[in-house]
């Protein structure tokens, strides 16, 4: 069954001229999505014997209020199509989806990549503001001192 999925993924990627992608071995691809808030959303697609796993680095381990960041992301998991927030061994936050290979079609890939893009983009600024508030405030103070415009992450502060 994995042999059936690889050509589906490759054909889907070939049909997306604006989506940078490169092969990663026989069964994987690295894809780079462009978001509005999270500007670069990397994704690694790997076809296994029974599943397609899509994994994306969402953000590095929070500098502060890690429990609040994790609680926010766990609540966000309730609204996501297949993608779930997870932690790497280093404490970095990932977005991960696991799909049975028999369910992989071009339409499903469209849904999955769209779900990754919207989940990462909609969630990024709030998670960053919680986990890196002190850093953001220091940067904003520096921007005020040098006359630079505010960092867009401060828009829509809750």
Protein backbone atom coordinates (compact mmCIF):
# COMPACT_ATOMS: atom_id res chain seq x y z
CA UNK A 1 0.00 0.00 0.00
CA UNK A 2 2.81 2.57 0.64
CA UNK A 3 3.81 2.12 -3.01
CA UNK A 4 0.37 3.39 -4.03
CA UNK A 5 0.64 6.49 -1.83
CA UNK A 6 4.03 7.83 -2.95
CA UNK A 7 2.91 8.60 -6.53
CA UNK A 8 -0.26 10.26 -5.21
CA UNK A 9 1.78 12.57 -3.01
CA UNK A 10 4.32 13.31 -5.73
CA UNK A 11 1.59 14.08 -8.30
CA UNK A 12 -0.18 16.33 -5.81
CA UNK A 13 3.06 18.19 -5.06
CA UNK A 14 3.85 18.50 -8.78
CA UNK A 15 0.44 20.14 -9.25
CA UNK A 16 1.32 22.82 -6.63
CA UNK A 17 3.87 25.04 -8.44
CA UNK A 18 3.93 27.61 -5.61
CA UNK A 19 4.62 25.01 -2.91
CA UNK A 20 8.36 24.42 -2.42
CA UNK A 21 8.98 20.70 -1.88
CA UNK A 22 11.94 18.37 -2.06
CA UNK A 23 12.34 14.64 -1.70
CA UNK A 24 13.72 13.22 1.53
CA UNK A 25 14.68 9.67 0.70
CA UNK A 26 12.37 7.16 -0.94
CA UNK A 27 9.36 7.80 1.28
CA UNK A 28 9.55 11.41 2.40
CA UNK A 29 9.24 15.03 1.37
CA UNK A 30 10.06 18.37 2.95
CA UNK A 31 7.47 21.03 2.15
CA UNK A 32 7.51 24.73 3.04
CA UNK A 33 4.17 26.48 3.48
CA UNK A 34 3.80 30.27 3.68
CA UNK A 35 1.44 31.68 6.26
CA UNK A 36 0.31 35.18 7.14
CA UNK A 37 1.21 35.16 10.85
CA UNK A 38 3.61 32.24 10.93
CA UNK A 39 5.44 33.13 7.78
CA UNK A 40 7.29 29.83 7.27
CA UNK A 41 5.62 26.53 8.11
CA UNK A 42 7.94 23.59 7.47
CA UNK A 43 6.43 20.14 7.03
CA UNK A 44 7.95 16.69 6.74
CA UNK A 45 5.77 14.05 5.08
CA UNK A 46 6.81 10.43 5.59
CA UNK A 47 5.04 7.40 4.14
CA UNK A 48 5.36 4.36 6.36
CA UNK A 49 4.09 0.83 5.98
CA UNK A 50 0.64 1.74 7.32
CA UNK A 51 0.53 5.50 7.81
CA UNK A 52 1.41 8.86 6.36
CA UNK A 53 2.90 11.06 9.08
CA UNK A 54 3.03 14.82 8.62
CA UNK A 55 5.14 16.66 11.17
CA UNK A 56 5.83 20.38 11.43
CA UNK A 57 7.96 22.39 13.84
CA UNK A 58 5.47 24.89 15.26
CA UNK A 59 7.74 26.73 17.69
CA UNK A 60 10.79 26.26 19.87
CA UNK A 61 10.35 25.44 23.55
CA UNK A 62 8.77 28.42 25.33
CA UNK A 63 11.07 30.66 27.40
CA UNK A 64 8.40 31.27 30.03
CA UNK A 65 4.92 30.18 31.10
CA UNK A 66 5.38 26.81 29.40
CA UNK A 67 2.41 25.27 31.23
CA UNK A 68 0.17 28.08 29.95
CA UNK A 69 1.42 27.60 26.39
CA UNK A 70 0.81 23.85 26.57
CA UNK A 71 -2.67 24.32 28.07
CA UNK A 72 -3.57 26.76 25.30
CA UNK A 73 -2.36 24.33 22.61
CA UNK A 74 -4.10 21.33 24.19
CA UNK A 75 -7.39 23.25 24.13
CA UNK A 76 -6.68 24.14 20.50
CA UNK A 77 -6.32 20.42 19.71
CA UNK A 78 -10.07 20.07 20.21
CA UNK A 79 -10.76 22.17 17.09
CA UNK A 80 -8.18 20.75 14.72
CA UNK A 81 -8.73 18.36 11.82
CA UNK A 82 -6.24 15.53 12.43
CA UNK A 83 -3.34 17.77 13.47
CA UNK A 84 -2.39 17.67 17.13
CA UNK A 85 0.13 19.70 19.06
CA UNK A 86 2.89 17.56 20.55
CA UNK A 87 6.26 18.03 22.27
CA UNK A 88 9.63 16.87 21.04
CA UNK A 89 12.18 15.48 23.48
CA UNK A 90 13.79 18.95 23.54
CA UNK A 91 10.47 20.59 24.51
CA UNK A 92 9.87 22.12 21.08
CA UNK A 93 6.23 22.24 19.98
CA UNK A 94 5.27 20.22 16.91
CA UNK A 95 2.11 19.81 14.86
CA UNK A 96 1.61 16.16 13.92
CA UNK A 97 -0.98 14.24 11.90
CA UNK A 98 -1.06 10.49 11.32
CA UNK A 99 -3.26 9.22 8.49
CA UNK A 100 -3.78 5.61 7.39
CA UNK A 101 -2.25 5.10 3.94
CA UNK A 102 -5.54 3.79 2.55
CA UNK A 103 -7.09 7.21 3.25
CA UNK A 104 -4.48 9.21 1.31
CA UNK A 105 -5.89 10.83 -1.82
CA UNK A 106 -5.17 14.12 -3.57
CA UNK A 107 -8.28 15.63 -1.95
CA UNK A 108 -7.21 14.41 1.49
CA UNK A 109 -3.71 15.87 0.99
CA UNK A 110 -5.36 19.18 0.12
CA UNK A 111 -7.38 19.05 3.34
CA UNK A 112 -4.36 18.04 5.42
CA UNK A 113 -2.03 20.73 4.10
CA UNK A 114 -4.81 23.30 4.42
CA UNK A 115 -5.46 22.19 8.00
CA UNK A 116 -1.75 22.45 8.83
CA UNK A 117 -1.57 25.94 7.35
CA UNK A 118 -4.67 27.24 9.11
CA UNK A 119 -3.88 25.61 12.47
CA UNK A 120 -0.31 26.92 12.54
CA UNK A 121 -1.22 30.36 11.26
CA UNK A 122 -4.24 30.90 13.54
CA UNK A 123 -2.44 29.74 16.68
CA UNK A 124 1.10 31.04 16.29
CA UNK A 125 0.92 34.63 17.55
CA UNK A 126 -1.04 33.79 20.68
CA UNK A 127 1.32 30.93 21.59
CA UNK A 128 4.34 33.16 20.99
CA UNK A 129 2.89 35.98 23.10
CA UNK A 130 2.35 33.57 26.00
CA UNK A 131 5.68 31.76 25.83
CA UNK A 132 7.97 34.63 24.84
CA UNK A 133 6.30 37.70 26.37
CA UNK A 134 9.45 39.09 28.00
CA UNK A 135 11.46 38.76 24.79
CA UNK A 136 8.69 40.40 22.75
CA UNK A 137 8.46 43.28 25.21
CA UNK A 138 12.25 43.83 25.10
CA UNK A 139 12.15 43.81 21.30
CA UNK A 140 9.23 46.26 21.22
CA UNK A 141 11.08 48.59 23.60
CA UNK A 142 14.14 48.45 21.35
CA UNK A 143 11.94 49.20 18.30
CA UNK A 144 10.47 52.25 20.09
CA UNK A 145 13.96 53.51 20.97
CA UNK A 146 15.29 53.24 17.42
CA UNK A 147 12.10 54.49 15.78
CA UNK A 148 11.28 51.18 14.09
CA UNK A 149 7.66 50.14 13.56
CA UNK A 150 6.20 47.69 16.08
CA UNK A 151 6.57 43.99 15.43
CA UNK A 152 3.30 42.71 13.91
CA UNK A 153 2.98 40.13 16.67
CA UNK A 154 1.62 42.88 18.92
CA UNK A 155 -1.42 43.35 16.67
CA UNK A 156 -4.64 41.89 17.98
CA UNK A 157 -3.34 41.55 21.52
CA UNK A 158 -5.97 39.94 23.66
